[in-house]
Protein backbone atom coordinates (compact mmCIF):
# COMPACT_ATOMS: atom_id res chain seq x y z
CA MET A 1 62.94 24.13 8.83
CA ALA A 2 61.49 27.46 6.91
CA PHE A 3 63.40 27.95 3.47
CA PRO A 4 64.66 31.98 2.87
CA GLY A 5 62.07 33.98 1.40
CA THR A 6 59.14 31.41 2.11
CA ASP A 7 58.16 32.84 5.52
CA HIS A 8 54.78 34.34 4.00
CA PHE A 9 53.57 30.88 2.96
CA GLN A 10 53.98 29.28 6.64
CA SER A 11 50.89 28.52 8.44
CA GLY A 12 49.78 31.34 11.21
CA ASN A 13 48.73 35.04 10.63
CA LYS A 14 51.83 36.53 10.41
CA GLY A 15 52.10 34.81 6.91
CA ILE A 16 48.28 35.51 6.17
CA GLY A 17 48.69 39.10 7.15
CA LEU A 18 51.24 39.98 4.60
CA VAL A 19 49.95 38.47 1.88
CA SER A 20 46.70 39.87 2.52
CA ASP A 21 48.06 43.36 3.19
CA ALA A 22 49.72 43.24 0.44
CA ASN A 23 46.71 42.66 -1.45
CA SER A 24 45.35 45.21 0.27
CA ASP A 25 47.48 48.02 -1.16
CA VAL A 26 46.87 46.50 -4.30
CA ILE A 27 43.39 46.83 -4.14
CA ALA A 28 44.05 50.71 -2.83
CA ARG A 29 45.91 51.49 -5.39
CA ALA A 30 43.52 50.14 -7.65
CA ALA A 31 40.68 52.11 -6.33
CA GLU A 32 42.21 55.18 -6.49
CA VAL A 33 43.09 54.72 -10.07
CA LEU A 34 39.71 54.23 -10.65
CA LYS A 35 38.15 56.75 -9.13
CA GLY A 36 40.66 59.14 -11.00
CA HIS A 37 39.25 57.38 -14.64
CA ARG A 38 35.34 57.69 -13.11
CA ALA A 39 36.61 61.55 -12.48
CA SER A 40 37.66 61.93 -15.76
CA ILE A 41 34.84 60.27 -17.43
CA ASP A 42 32.02 62.60 -15.14
CA ARG A 43 34.08 65.46 -16.63
CA LEU A 44 33.63 64.64 -20.29
CA ASP A 45 29.86 63.66 -19.68
CA ALA A 46 29.74 67.10 -18.46
CA ILE A 47 30.95 68.23 -21.77
CA LEU A 48 29.04 66.32 -23.84
CA VAL A 49 26.02 67.61 -22.46
CA TYR A 50 26.75 71.03 -22.39
CA THR A 51 28.09 70.89 -25.84
CA LEU A 52 24.89 68.93 -26.83
CA GLY A 53 23.32 72.18 -25.63
CA GLU A 54 24.93 74.66 -27.14
CA ARG A 55 24.92 72.42 -30.84
CA PHE A 56 20.76 72.21 -30.23
CA LYS A 57 20.79 75.99 -29.60
CA HIS A 58 22.65 76.87 -33.29
CA THR A 59 20.43 74.07 -34.75
CA GLN A 60 17.11 75.71 -33.30
CA ALA A 61 17.97 79.26 -34.57
CA VAL A 62 18.51 77.24 -38.04
CA GLY A 63 15.22 75.92 -37.70
CA LYS A 64 13.73 78.96 -37.22
CA LEU A 65 15.61 80.06 -39.93
CA LYS A 66 14.55 77.72 -41.99
CA ALA A 67 10.60 77.85 -41.48
CA GLU A 68 10.59 81.91 -41.92
CA HIS A 69 12.03 81.06 -45.59
CA ASP A 70 10.12 77.77 -46.33
CA LEU A 71 13.24 75.73 -46.59
CA PRO A 72 13.14 71.95 -46.01
CA PRO A 73 13.84 71.07 -42.87
CA SER A 74 16.40 68.61 -43.64
CA ASP A 75 19.49 68.74 -46.31
CA PRO A 76 20.86 65.52 -47.02
CA THR A 77 23.88 66.89 -48.82
CA ARG A 78 24.96 68.80 -45.69
CA GLU A 79 23.98 65.42 -43.91
CA ALA A 80 26.43 62.68 -45.58
CA ALA A 81 29.10 65.55 -45.96
CA GLN A 82 28.70 65.97 -41.76
CA ILE A 83 28.76 62.05 -41.65
CA ALA A 84 31.62 61.73 -43.45
CA ARG A 85 33.31 64.56 -41.64
CA LEU A 86 32.58 62.98 -38.59
CA GLU A 87 33.99 59.60 -39.47
CA ASP A 88 37.32 61.42 -40.53
CA LEU A 89 37.50 62.76 -37.23
CA ALA A 90 36.60 59.60 -35.15
CA ILE A 91 39.16 57.53 -37.17
CA GLN A 92 41.41 60.52 -36.46
CA ALA A 93 40.60 60.13 -32.45
CA ASP A 94 40.95 56.39 -32.78
CA LEU A 95 37.37 56.08 -32.31
CA ASP A 96 34.78 53.57 -33.90
CA PRO A 97 33.52 55.78 -37.03
CA ASP A 98 30.71 53.51 -36.86
CA PHE A 99 29.95 54.40 -33.56
CA ALA A 100 30.30 57.75 -34.40
CA LYS A 101 28.01 57.75 -37.77
CA LYS A 102 25.26 56.21 -35.82
CA PHE A 103 25.39 58.72 -32.94
CA LEU A 104 25.30 61.57 -35.71
CA ASN A 105 22.62 60.04 -37.36
CA PHE A 106 21.01 59.82 -34.03
CA ILE A 107 21.62 63.74 -33.81
CA ILE A 108 20.85 64.74 -37.11
CA GLN A 109 16.99 62.77 -36.90
CA GLU A 110 16.50 64.75 -33.61
CA VAL A 111 17.47 68.25 -35.31
CA ILE A 112 15.07 67.53 -38.16
CA ARG A 113 12.60 66.43 -35.95
CA HIS A 114 12.51 70.32 -33.79
CA HIS A 115 13.17 71.98 -37.42
CA ARG A 116 9.86 70.31 -38.33
CA GLN A 117 7.99 71.39 -35.35
CA HIS A 118 8.87 74.78 -36.20
CA GLN A 119 7.28 74.47 -39.60
CA SER A 120 3.86 73.33 -38.10
């Protein structure tokens, strides 16, 4: 005798199929959600790359200008202000400020390297 609501626990393909079908539906829904997240991540990665490209166009122009006028390739006061500003933005964006600081420091070092190349 089967108890009400327990037919999916009975042996045989019918019961196993019900559990499998439900599990497949959950997995399919999760796969769709995952696909949506990954598409968003891909778009954001493209935005980051194009934004960095634009940023480096401007910093290249700054480097040429500095070289033409014998200005130093780095500006520690500006760099410190930029890092502080980015840390504040990171907090507002719910991003780890230490990560944001490391990221900007990496970019700044790359910009300084480019500026030094213009001066040689």
